[in-house]
Amino acid sequence: MNRTIAIPEGPFEPTWASLCTYQVPRWYQDAKFGIFIHWGVYAVPAFGNEWYPRNMYQRGRPEYQHHLATYGPHDRFGYKDFIPMFKAERFDPDEWAGLFRQAGAKFVVPVAEHHDGFAMYDCSFSRWNAREMGPKRDVIGELADAVRRQWLILGLSSHRAEHWWFMDGGMQFPSDVQDPRYADFYGPAQPRGTQPHEAYLDDWLARTCELVDKYQPQLVWFDWWIEEPAFEPYLRRFAAYYYNRGAQWGRGVVINYKHNAFPAQAAVYDIERGQLTDIRIPFWQTDTSISKNSWGYVEDQDYKTATDIVHDLCDIVSKNGALLLNIGPRADGTIPEPEVEILRAIGRWLALNGEAIYGTRPWTVFGEGPTEIVAGSFADTKRSAFTPRDVRFTTKDNVLYAILLGWPEEGRACLRSLGSDLKLYRQEIASVQMLGVGEPLPWQRAGDGLYVQMPLQPPCEHAVVLKIMPRA
């Protein structure tokens, strides 16, 4: 194991027993909504998805055929040759950060290094980085400053682990992956079923610790391959390093992991493109994309609707989770117009209804209604559309919020979970209000539910929120 990385002094040791004493910071539990950014060299070909750098070397893949037809043989034009085309000439970090604030996000997580091995930051361990090549700008450094100017919290993601095998297809036929001049970029390019060796793991740890020290992110997000057995002692060492750094900074920090890479108490569980069917304690997160077909920019994006994203946010928050929503900027640094409009629509909804989201905690039950969530990863497009009978609950300061994921056509809502017979809500109700509506709403509580008369029209799109105030 890399002994050159000294663990800072602090409360954590590199053991699971020590790391399982970790506490999720309050800022994160309160924030609920963040922006993920997949932006890199893969935005130049803008074909398939952000795995273009791998798939262009996989014979039989559409990306392979597209690359041959568009750019020529792989030993003459390889992935590295896209780097000079990645100029980011219209990248304005302050414009981005302002949009994220308008969207209602509280934290921002750009990808620092994706599987392709191109660092979007000023990396000391590789010349293949955005400061020295392509944009010739420290993209992460500029974004970090811009995000903090908007009083948002910075996170970073590292996908470096997967680079061990990501370019292995290029070893199967003549390509620039085999050229020793570019070995420091294309990496080991080993078969996917092999475990990384010590030198690679040492490098992984050094790069990840450098990200922590150079940019002081309050969240570090890892993709799935860190669950491989070879990473286990390195994960413990990194977590102790990072958590102790957070203690030194006086700021709560977070590690996101997938599957079983960490014990549940040692970091925050993340589900890719998926949700849960019930409340989970401890706190958790969904990461998903604004597009159904890609995380990075491609020319034929299939976008979700703002309504679907707002509904997923409400469902996730009601179950004690956070939503990390990804966007994919173009190679020139502009955010595609449909993504801008979706983010602004989410922001308009949160501006009116955010008190039912930010700073809340789950209620006794997450909600009610007929629509079932398909649990697990890669299921974010499998559920049916929510209906007016689908309700999600959150609570804060003894107030109960009921988020209606549709407008009741009959002019009144019935909240079955608040029926007096169920005894889930034991307090007497003083009033029922709708966020965005000035006057309290008429209501009646019966054994089978709380009946609330709706105003003549909804105050907003996507979902409406009932604020149920207890009698003092």
Protein backbone atom coordinates (compact mmCIF):
# COMPACT_ATOMS: atom_id res chain seq x y z
CA MET A 1 0.00 0.00 0.00
CA ASN A 2 1.09 3.54 -0.70
CA ARG A 3 3.04 4.59 2.39
CA THR A 4 3.88 8.03 1.02
CA ILE A 5 0.35 9.22 1.76
CA ALA A 6 0.35 10.10 5.45
CA ILE A 7 -3.05 10.16 7.08
CA PRO A 8 -3.65 13.56 8.71
CA GLU A 9 -4.20 13.73 12.43
CA GLY A 10 -7.83 13.50 13.39
CA PRO A 11 -10.57 11.31 14.83
CA PHE A 12 -10.44 8.56 12.18
CA GLU A 13 -8.17 5.58 11.70
CA PRO A 14 -8.09 3.48 8.50
CA THR A 15 -10.21 0.70 10.03
CA TRP A 16 -13.86 -0.03 9.38
CA ALA A 17 -14.53 0.06 13.12
CA SER A 18 -13.25 3.64 13.25
CA LEU A 19 -14.84 4.72 9.97
CA CYS A 20 -18.25 3.39 10.99
CA THR A 21 -18.37 6.11 13.67
CA TYR A 22 -18.77 8.62 10.82
CA GLN A 23 -21.80 10.93 10.97
CA VAL A 24 -23.50 12.28 7.84
CA PRO A 25 -23.21 16.10 8.01
CA ARG A 26 -26.34 18.12 8.49
CA TRP A 27 -25.69 20.35 5.45
CA TYR A 28 -26.04 17.30 3.22
CA GLN A 29 -29.18 15.98 4.89
CA ASP A 30 -30.69 19.46 4.52
CA ALA A 31 -29.55 20.17 0.95
CA LYS A 32 -31.46 17.36 -0.84
CA PHE A 33 -30.68 18.48 -4.41
CA GLY A 34 -27.39 18.70 -6.27
CA ILE A 35 -26.09 19.02 -9.83
CA PHE A 36 -23.75 16.42 -11.35
CA ILE A 37 -21.69 17.45 -14.41
CA HIS A 38 -20.32 14.96 -16.94
CA TRP A 39 -18.08 17.07 -19.15
CA GLY A 40 -14.93 15.96 -20.87
CA VAL A 41 -13.24 15.03 -24.13
CA TYR A 42 -16.09 12.60 -24.90
CA ALA A 43 -18.28 15.65 -25.62
CA VAL A 44 -16.34 16.20 -28.86
CA PRO A 45 -17.51 13.12 -30.80
CA ALA A 46 -20.92 13.54 -29.11
CA PHE A 47 -21.99 10.08 -30.24
CA GLY A 48 -23.48 7.18 -28.30
CA ASN A 49 -22.71 8.24 -24.75
CA GLU A 50 -19.84 9.17 -22.42
CA TRP A 51 -18.40 5.66 -22.88
CA TYR A 52 -17.39 6.58 -26.44
CA PRO A 53 -13.68 6.39 -25.53
CA ARG A 54 -14.12 2.74 -24.61
CA ASN A 55 -16.70 1.73 -27.19
CA MET A 56 -14.82 3.27 -30.13
CA TYR A 57 -12.22 0.53 -29.55
CA GLN A 58 -14.77 -2.26 -29.17
CA ARG A 59 -15.17 -4.01 -32.50
CA GLY A 60 -18.81 -4.57 -33.37
CA ARG A 61 -20.04 -1.55 -31.41
CA PRO A 62 -21.83 1.30 -33.24
CA GLU A 63 -19.18 3.67 -31.89
CA TYR A 64 -16.45 1.60 -33.53
CA GLN A 65 -18.16 1.76 -36.92
CA HIS A 66 -18.98 5.46 -36.48
CA HIS A 67 -15.36 6.22 -35.62
CA LEU A 68 -14.00 4.40 -38.65
CA ALA A 69 -16.47 6.09 -40.99
CA THR A 70 -16.04 9.57 -39.50
CA TYR A 71 -12.40 9.80 -38.37
CA GLY A 72 -10.58 6.88 -39.97
CA PRO A 73 -8.53 3.97 -38.60
CA HIS A 74 -7.83 3.87 -34.88
CA ASP A 75 -4.06 3.79 -35.33
CA ARG A 76 -4.23 7.08 -37.23
CA PHE A 77 -6.93 8.90 -35.25
CA GLY A 78 -7.45 7.73 -31.71
CA TYR A 79 -9.24 9.11 -28.70
CA LYS A 80 -6.25 11.31 -27.79
CA ASP A 81 -6.77 13.20 -31.07
CA PHE A 82 -10.05 14.61 -29.81
CA ILE A 83 -8.23 16.51 -27.05
CA PRO A 84 -7.11 19.49 -29.23
CA MET A 85 -10.74 19.74 -30.40
CA PHE A 86 -11.95 20.06 -26.82
CA LYS A 87 -11.44 23.81 -26.53
CA ALA A 88 -14.18 24.85 -24.08
CA GLU A 89 -14.04 28.27 -25.72
CA ARG A 90 -17.48 29.31 -24.37
CA PHE A 91 -17.10 27.88 -20.88
CA ASP A 92 -18.24 30.44 -18.31
CA PRO A 93 -18.10 28.95 -14.80
CA ASP A 94 -19.98 31.86 -13.25
CA GLU A 95 -22.80 31.44 -15.75
CA TRP A 96 -22.98 27.75 -14.90
CA ALA A 97 -22.97 28.36 -11.15
CA GLY A 98 -25.67 31.02 -11.50
CA LEU A 99 -27.86 28.56 -13.39
CA PHE A 100 -27.36 25.89 -10.74
CA ARG A 101 -28.44 28.33 -8.07
CA GLN A 102 -31.51 29.26 -10.15
CA ALA A 103 -32.28 25.54 -10.39
CA GLY A 104 -32.48 25.33 -6.61
CA ALA A 105 -29.43 23.09 -6.24
CA LYS A 106 -27.45 23.30 -3.02
CA PHE A 107 -24.34 21.38 -4.08
CA VAL A 108 -22.49 20.83 -7.35
CA VAL A 109 -20.41 17.77 -8.30
CA PRO A 110 -18.37 18.06 -11.51
CA VAL A 111 -16.52 14.99 -12.75
CA ALA A 112 -12.86 15.53 -11.96
CA GLU A 113 -11.71 12.52 -13.96
CA HIS A 114 -13.86 10.09 -15.90
CA HIS A 115 -13.00 6.56 -17.01
CA ASP A 116 -11.18 7.96 -20.05
CA GLY A 117 -8.23 9.11 -17.93
CA PHE A 118 -8.35 12.80 -18.89
CA ALA A 119 -8.21 14.92 -15.74
CA MET A 120 -10.40 18.02 -15.79
CA TYR A 121 -8.15 19.65 -13.19
CA ASP A 122 -4.54 20.67 -12.67
CA CYS A 123 -3.26 17.15 -11.97
CA SER A 124 0.31 16.67 -10.74
CA PHE A 125 0.38 13.01 -11.75
CA SER A 126 -0.45 13.27 -15.45
CA ARG A 127 0.23 15.61 -18.35
CA TRP A 128 -3.15 14.56 -19.77
CA ASN A 129 -5.17 17.21 -18.00
CA ALA A 130 -7.29 20.21 -18.91
CA ARG A 131 -4.74 22.67 -17.54
CA GLU A 132 -2.04 21.52 -19.97
CA MET A 133 -4.13 20.28 -22.91
CA GLY A 134 -7.47 20.94 -24.59
CA PRO A 135 -9.03 23.91 -22.80
CA LYS A 136 -5.72 24.72 -21.09
CA ARG A 137 -7.72 25.80 -18.05
CA ASP A 138 -8.09 24.33 -14.60
CA VAL A 139 -11.76 23.58 -15.14
CA ILE A 140 -12.33 22.18 -11.66
CA GLY A 141 -10.51 25.07 -10.00
CA GLU A 142 -12.55 27.66 -11.90
CA LEU A 143 -15.79 25.85 -11.18
CA ALA A 144 -14.89 25.51 -7.50
CA ASP A 145 -14.45 29.26 -7.19
CA ALA A 146 -17.63 30.04 -9.14
CA VAL A 147 -19.76 27.58 -7.18
CA ARG A 148 -18.58 28.99 -3.88
CA ARG A 149 -19.29 32.53 -5.06
CA GLN A 150 -22.92 31.40 -5.35
CA TRP A 151 -22.82 29.99 -1.80
CA LEU A 152 -23.15 26.46 -3.13
CA ILE A 153 -21.17 23.49 -1.83
CA LEU A 154 -18.54 21.86 -4.02
CA GLY A 155 -18.24 18.13 -4.51
CA LEU A 156 -16.11 16.16 -6.97
CA SER A 157 -16.38 12.76 -8.58
CA SER A 158 -13.56 10.38 -9.43
CA HIS A 159 -14.00 7.52 -11.91
CA ARG A 160 -10.29 6.80 -12.05
CA ALA A 161 -10.68 3.23 -10.78
CA GLU A 162 -12.31 2.04 -14.01
CA HIS A 163 -9.44 3.34 -16.14
CA TRP A 164 -7.54 0.15 -15.32
CA TRP A 165 -9.53 -1.68 -18.01
CA PHE A 166 -11.41 1.04 -19.86
CA MET A 167 -9.25 1.08 -23.00
CA ASP A 168 -8.59 -2.66 -23.23
CA GLY A 169 -10.36 -2.98 -26.60
CA GLY A 170 -7.57 -1.02 -28.22
CA MET A 171 -5.17 -3.85 -27.39
CA GLN A 172 -7.05 -6.26 -29.67
CA PHE A 173 -6.34 -4.66 -33.07
CA PRO A 174 -3.99 -1.97 -34.44
CA SER A 175 -4.67 1.24 -32.54
CA ASP A 176 -2.90 4.08 -30.80
CA VAL A 177 -3.67 2.46 -27.44
CA GLN A 178 -0.68 0.21 -28.12
CA ASP A 179 1.65 3.12 -28.93
CA PRO A 180 4.13 3.49 -26.02
CA ARG A 181 4.16 7.27 -26.52
CA TYR A 182 0.62 7.39 -25.15
CA ALA A 183 0.81 4.68 -22.50
CA ASP A 184 0.63 7.30 -19.76
CA PHE A 185 -2.80 8.33 -21.11
CA TYR A 186 -4.40 5.09 -22.17
CA GLY A 187 -3.25 3.40 -19.01
CA PRO A 188 -2.82 -0.26 -18.28
CA ALA A 189 -5.70 -1.22 -20.64
CA GLN A 190 -5.91 -4.56 -18.87
CA PRO A 191 -8.72 -7.11 -19.21
CA ARG A 192 -11.74 -6.09 -17.16
CA GLY A 193 -11.66 -9.25 -15.05
CA THR A 194 -8.19 -8.57 -13.62
CA GLN A 195 -7.37 -6.83 -10.35
CA PRO A 196 -5.26 -3.63 -10.43
CA HIS A 197 -1.69 -3.92 -9.23
CA GLU A 198 -0.09 -2.00 -6.36
CA ALA A 199 1.44 0.75 -8.51
CA TYR A 200 -1.94 1.55 -10.03
CA LEU A 201 -3.66 1.58 -6.64
CA ASP A 202 -0.93 3.81 -5.20
CA ASP A 203 -1.48 6.22 -8.07
CA TRP A 204 -5.26 6.11 -7.53
CA LEU A 205 -4.86 7.02 -3.88
CA ALA A 206 -2.35 9.79 -4.58
CA ARG A 207 -4.58 11.37 -7.25
CA THR A 208 -7.66 11.21 -5.05
CA CYS A 209 -5.90 12.73 -2.05
CA GLU A 210 -4.55 15.49 -4.28
CA LEU A 211 -8.11 16.35 -5.32
CA VAL A 212 -9.05 16.65 -1.65
CA ASP A 213 -6.12 18.87 -0.74
CA LYS A 214 -6.16 21.07 -3.85
CA TYR A 215 -9.91 21.78 -4.07
CA GLN A 216 -11.29 20.90 -0.60
CA PRO A 217 -14.53 19.32 -1.83
CA GLN A 218 -17.16 18.54 0.77
CA LEU A 219 -18.34 15.50 -1.18
CA VAL A 220 -16.37 12.87 -3.08
CA TRP A 221 -18.40 10.59 -5.34
CA PHE A 222 -17.04 7.24 -6.50
CA ASP A 223 -18.29 5.06 -9.29
CA TRP A 224 -18.89 1.35 -8.88
CA TRP A 225 -15.55 -0.40 -9.55
CA ILE A 226 -14.01 0.59 -6.23
CA GLU A 227 -15.88 -2.39 -4.79
CA GLU A 228 -13.24 -4.70 -6.27
CA PRO A 229 -11.27 -6.48 -3.50
CA ALA A 230 -7.94 -4.85 -4.35
CA PHE A 231 -9.32 -1.42 -3.46
CA GLU A 232 -10.50 -2.31 0.05
CA PRO A 233 -7.42 -1.22 2.07
CA TYR A 234 -7.07 1.87 -0.14
CA LEU A 235 -10.68 2.86 0.49
CA ARG A 236 -10.10 2.68 4.23
CA ARG A 237 -6.96 4.77 3.90
CA PHE A 238 -8.64 7.36 1.70
CA ALA A 239 -11.71 7.65 3.93
CA ALA A 240 -9.56 8.25 7.02
CA TYR A 241 -7.49 10.80 5.08
CA TYR A 242 -10.55 12.66 3.81
CA TYR A 243 -12.62 12.56 6.99
CA ASN A 244 -9.68 13.86 9.00
CA ARG A 245 -9.13 16.63 6.46
CA GLY A 246 -12.80 17.57 6.87
CA ALA A 247 -12.34 17.70 10.62
CA GLN A 248 -9.32 19.99 10.13
CA TRP A 249 -11.34 22.26 7.84
CA GLY A 250 -14.24 22.32 10.31
CA ARG A 251 -16.64 21.24 7.57
CA GLY A 252 -18.68 18.07 7.25
CA VAL A 253 -17.64 15.90 4.31
CA VAL A 254 -19.26 13.03 2.45
CA ILE A 255 -18.16 9.98 0.45
CA ASN A 256 -20.66 8.45 -1.97
CA TYR A 257 -20.33 4.78 -2.87
CA LYS A 258 -22.29 2.16 -4.79
CA HIS A 259 -23.22 -1.44 -4.06
CA ASN A 260 -21.17 -2.81 -1.15
CA ALA A 261 -17.93 -0.86 -1.52
CA PHE A 262 -18.29 0.63 2.00
CA PRO A 263 -20.12 -0.49 5.13
CA ALA A 264 -23.45 1.32 5.38
CA GLN A 265 -22.35 3.45 8.36
CA ALA A 266 -18.98 4.51 6.93
CA ALA A 267 -20.19 6.56 3.92
CA VAL A 268 -23.37 7.44 2.00
CA TYR A 269 -24.96 4.84 -0.25
CA ASP A 270 -25.73 5.95 -3.81
CA ILE A 271 -28.04 4.29 -6.36
CA GLU A 272 -27.37 4.95 -10.03
CA ARG A 273 -30.49 5.79 -12.02
CA GLY A 274 -32.71 4.22 -9.38
CA GLN A 275 -34.69 4.65 -6.20
CA LEU A 276 -35.95 2.79 -3.15
CA THR A 277 -39.42 1.56 -2.27
CA ASP A 278 -39.37 2.77 1.34
CA ILE A 279 -37.64 5.02 3.84
CA ARG A 280 -33.98 4.15 4.41
CA ILE A 281 -32.07 5.03 7.53
CA PRO A 282 -29.26 6.09 7.15
CA PHE A 283 -29.36 8.86 4.56
CA TRP A 284 -28.83 7.87 0.92
CA GLN A 285 -28.69 9.35 -2.58
CA THR A 286 -29.85 8.78 -6.16
CA ASP A 287 -27.62 9.88 -9.00
CA THR A 288 -29.38 10.12 -12.34
CA SER A 289 -29.19 12.11 -15.54
CA ILE A 290 -31.44 14.69 -17.11
CA SER A 291 -31.12 12.53 -20.24
CA LYS A 292 -32.30 8.94 -20.53
CA ASN A 293 -29.59 7.79 -22.92
CA SER A 294 -26.33 9.47 -21.89
CA TRP A 295 -24.53 11.26 -19.08
CA GLY A 296 -22.26 13.24 -21.39
CA TYR A 297 -23.37 15.41 -24.28
CA VAL A 298 -24.53 13.65 -27.44
CA GLU A 299 -26.41 15.09 -30.37
CA ASP A 300 -29.54 12.94 -29.98
CA GLN A 301 -30.41 13.30 -26.30
CA ASP A 302 -33.67 11.80 -25.05
CA TYR A 303 -34.60 14.14 -22.23
CA LYS A 304 -36.76 13.53 -19.21
CA THR A 305 -39.42 16.09 -18.36
CA ALA A 306 -39.18 18.58 -15.52
CA THR A 307 -42.32 16.99 -14.05
CA ASP A 308 -40.72 13.55 -13.91
CA ILE A 309 -37.61 14.96 -12.23
CA VAL A 310 -39.60 16.96 -9.65
CA HIS A 311 -41.67 13.87 -8.88
CA ASP A 312 -38.54 11.76 -8.42
CA LEU A 313 -37.05 14.43 -6.16
CA CYS A 314 -40.15 14.39 -3.96
CA ASP A 315 -40.18 10.60 -3.82
CA ILE A 316 -36.48 10.39 -2.95
CA VAL A 317 -36.65 13.10 -0.26
CA SER A 318 -39.69 11.46 1.33
CA LYS A 319 -37.55 8.32 1.75
CA ASN A 320 -34.61 10.14 3.42
CA GLY A 321 -32.55 10.62 0.28
CA ALA A 322 -30.99 13.27 -1.92
CA LEU A 323 -31.10 13.66 -5.70
CA LEU A 324 -27.92 14.32 -7.68
CA LEU A 325 -29.09 15.32 -11.17
CA ASN A 326 -26.60 15.20 -14.03
CA ILE A 327 -26.21 17.53 -17.00
CA GLY A 328 -23.95 17.14 -20.05
CA PRO A 329 -22.43 20.34 -21.49
CA ARG A 330 -21.24 20.60 -25.09
CA ALA A 331 -17.54 20.55 -25.92
CA ASP A 332 -17.52 24.34 -26.28
CA GLY A 333 -18.69 24.76 -22.67
CA THR A 334 -22.32 25.68 -23.31
CA ILE A 335 -25.13 23.86 -21.54
CA PRO A 336 -27.74 22.63 -24.07
CA GLU A 337 -30.86 24.79 -24.15
CA PRO A 338 -33.30 21.97 -23.21
CA GLU A 339 -31.23 21.28 -20.10
CA VAL A 340 -31.22 24.96 -19.16
CA GLU A 341 -35.02 25.08 -19.46
CA ILE A 342 -35.51 21.92 -17.40
CA LEU A 343 -33.23 23.24 -14.65
CA ARG A 344 -35.06 26.56 -14.58
CA ALA A 345 -38.42 24.79 -14.38
CA ILE A 346 -37.20 22.75 -11.41
CA GLY A 347 -35.93 25.97 -9.84
CA ARG A 348 -39.29 27.69 -10.25
CA TRP A 349 -41.00 24.81 -8.48
CA LEU A 350 -38.46 24.79 -5.64
CA ALA A 351 -38.68 28.57 -5.24
CA LEU A 352 -42.35 28.12 -4.32
CA ASN A 353 -42.27 24.72 -2.63
CA GLY A 354 -38.74 24.36 -1.31
CA GLU A 355 -39.78 24.48 2.33
CA ALA A 356 -41.28 21.00 1.82
CA ILE A 357 -37.90 19.75 0.52
CA TYR A 358 -34.93 21.57 2.07
CA GLY A 359 -34.15 20.78 5.68
CA THR A 360 -36.94 18.21 5.96
CA ARG A 361 -36.87 14.72 7.34
CA PRO A 362 -39.00 11.67 6.52
CA TRP A 363 -42.35 11.22 8.25
CA THR A 364 -43.70 7.98 9.71
CA VAL A 365 -44.56 6.76 6.20
CA PHE A 366 -43.08 8.08 2.95
CA GLY A 367 -46.38 8.44 1.17
CA GLU A 368 -49.38 6.77 -0.37
CA GLY A 369 -50.91 6.07 -3.77
CA PRO A 370 -51.11 3.43 -6.48
CA THR A 371 -47.87 4.00 -8.40
CA GLU A 372 -45.12 1.56 -7.52
CA ILE A 373 -41.41 2.37 -7.70
CA VAL A 374 -39.15 -0.18 -9.34
CA ALA A 375 -36.35 -0.56 -6.83
CA GLY A 376 -32.66 -0.68 -7.64
CA SER A 377 -30.20 0.67 -10.16
CA PHE A 378 -31.02 1.54 -13.78
CA ALA A 379 -34.76 1.62 -13.12
CA ASP A 380 -35.36 5.37 -13.30
CA THR A 381 -37.49 5.13 -16.47
CA LYS A 382 -39.39 1.98 -15.53
CA ARG A 383 -42.05 3.39 -13.21
CA SER A 384 -45.44 4.53 -14.46
CA ALA A 385 -46.30 8.21 -14.31
CA PHE A 386 -47.44 9.35 -10.88
CA THR A 387 -51.14 10.16 -10.42
CA PRO A 388 -53.08 12.73 -8.34
CA ARG A 389 -53.59 9.96 -5.75
CA ASP A 390 -49.82 9.64 -5.26
CA VAL A 391 -48.70 11.67 -2.24
CA ARG A 392 -45.29 12.07 -0.61
CA PHE A 393 -44.79 13.26 2.97
CA THR A 394 -41.98 15.24 4.57
CA THR A 395 -41.76 16.96 7.93
CA LYS A 396 -39.93 19.88 9.54
CA ASP A 397 -40.41 21.84 12.78
CA ASN A 398 -43.54 19.84 13.70
CA VAL A 399 -45.14 20.72 10.35
CA LEU A 400 -46.24 17.94 8.00
CA TYR A 401 -46.00 18.48 4.25
CA ALA A 402 -48.09 16.42 1.84
CA ILE A 403 -46.84 16.71 -1.73
CA LEU A 404 -49.54 15.85 -4.26
CA LEU A 405 -47.96 14.51 -7.45
CA GLY A 406 -50.95 15.56 -9.53
CA TRP A 407 -54.02 17.82 -9.38
CA PRO A 408 -57.18 16.11 -8.06
CA GLU A 409 -59.78 16.38 -10.82
CA GLU A 410 -62.71 16.19 -8.39
CA GLY A 411 -61.56 19.36 -6.67
CA ARG A 412 -60.55 17.83 -3.38
CA ALA A 413 -57.74 15.67 -2.10
CA CYS A 414 -58.03 12.74 0.26
CA LEU A 415 -54.98 11.87 2.33
CA ARG A 416 -55.67 8.32 3.51
CA SER A 417 -52.60 8.22 5.77
CA LEU A 418 -54.06 11.04 7.87
CA GLY A 419 -57.34 9.30 8.64
CA SER A 420 -58.05 9.25 12.35
CA ASP A 421 -58.56 5.48 12.34
CA LEU A 422 -54.95 4.81 11.26
CA LYS A 423 -53.48 6.80 14.16
CA LEU A 424 -50.36 7.65 12.13
CA TYR A 425 -50.92 11.36 12.72
CA ARG A 426 -51.91 11.74 16.37
CA GLN A 427 -51.96 15.53 16.60
CA GLU A 428 -54.97 17.75 16.17
CA ILE A 429 -54.90 19.80 12.99
CA ALA A 430 -55.05 23.58 13.27
CA SER A 431 -55.02 24.46 9.56
CA VAL A 432 -54.21 23.21 6.08
CA GLN A 433 -52.54 25.55 3.62
CA MET A 434 -51.24 25.14 0.09
CA LEU A 435 -47.84 26.63 -0.63
CA GLY A 436 -48.33 29.49 -3.06
CA VAL A 437 -51.97 30.06 -2.04
CA GLY A 438 -52.75 32.89 0.38
CA GLU A 439 -55.81 31.61 2.23
CA PRO A 440 -56.07 28.40 4.29
CA LEU A 441 -58.03 25.61 2.64
CA PRO A 442 -61.27 24.03 3.93
CA TRP A 443 -60.65 20.56 5.36
CA GLN A 444 -62.37 17.75 7.20
CA ARG A 445 -60.82 14.82 8.99
CA ALA A 446 -62.59 11.50 9.08
CA GLY A 447 -61.70 7.97 9.99
CA ASP A 448 -60.70 7.10 6.43
CA GLY A 449 -58.71 10.22 5.61
CA LEU A 450 -58.12 13.95 5.64
CA TYR A 451 -60.26 15.64 2.99
CA VAL A 452 -58.99 18.98 1.68
CA GLN A 453 -60.84 21.27 -0.71
CA MET A 454 -58.57 22.44 -3.50
CA PRO A 455 -58.40 26.05 -4.73
CA LEU A 456 -59.77 26.80 -8.20
CA GLN A 457 -56.41 26.31 -9.88
CA PRO A 458 -52.95 25.07 -8.92
CA PRO A 459 -50.33 27.68 -7.98
CA CYS A 460 -47.60 25.91 -9.97
CA GLU A 461 -46.79 23.10 -12.33
CA HIS A 462 -45.60 19.55 -11.57
CA ALA A 463 -46.83 19.08 -7.96
CA VAL A 464 -48.54 21.01 -5.18
CA VAL A 465 -47.79 21.00 -1.47
CA LEU A 466 -50.22 20.95 1.42
CA LYS A 467 -48.81 22.37 4.65
CA ILE A 468 -50.54 20.75 7.63
CA MET A 469 -50.16 22.75 10.81
CA PRO A 470 -50.74 21.07 14.21
CA ARG A 471 -52.76 22.69 16.96
CA ALA A 472 -50.50 24.15 19.61
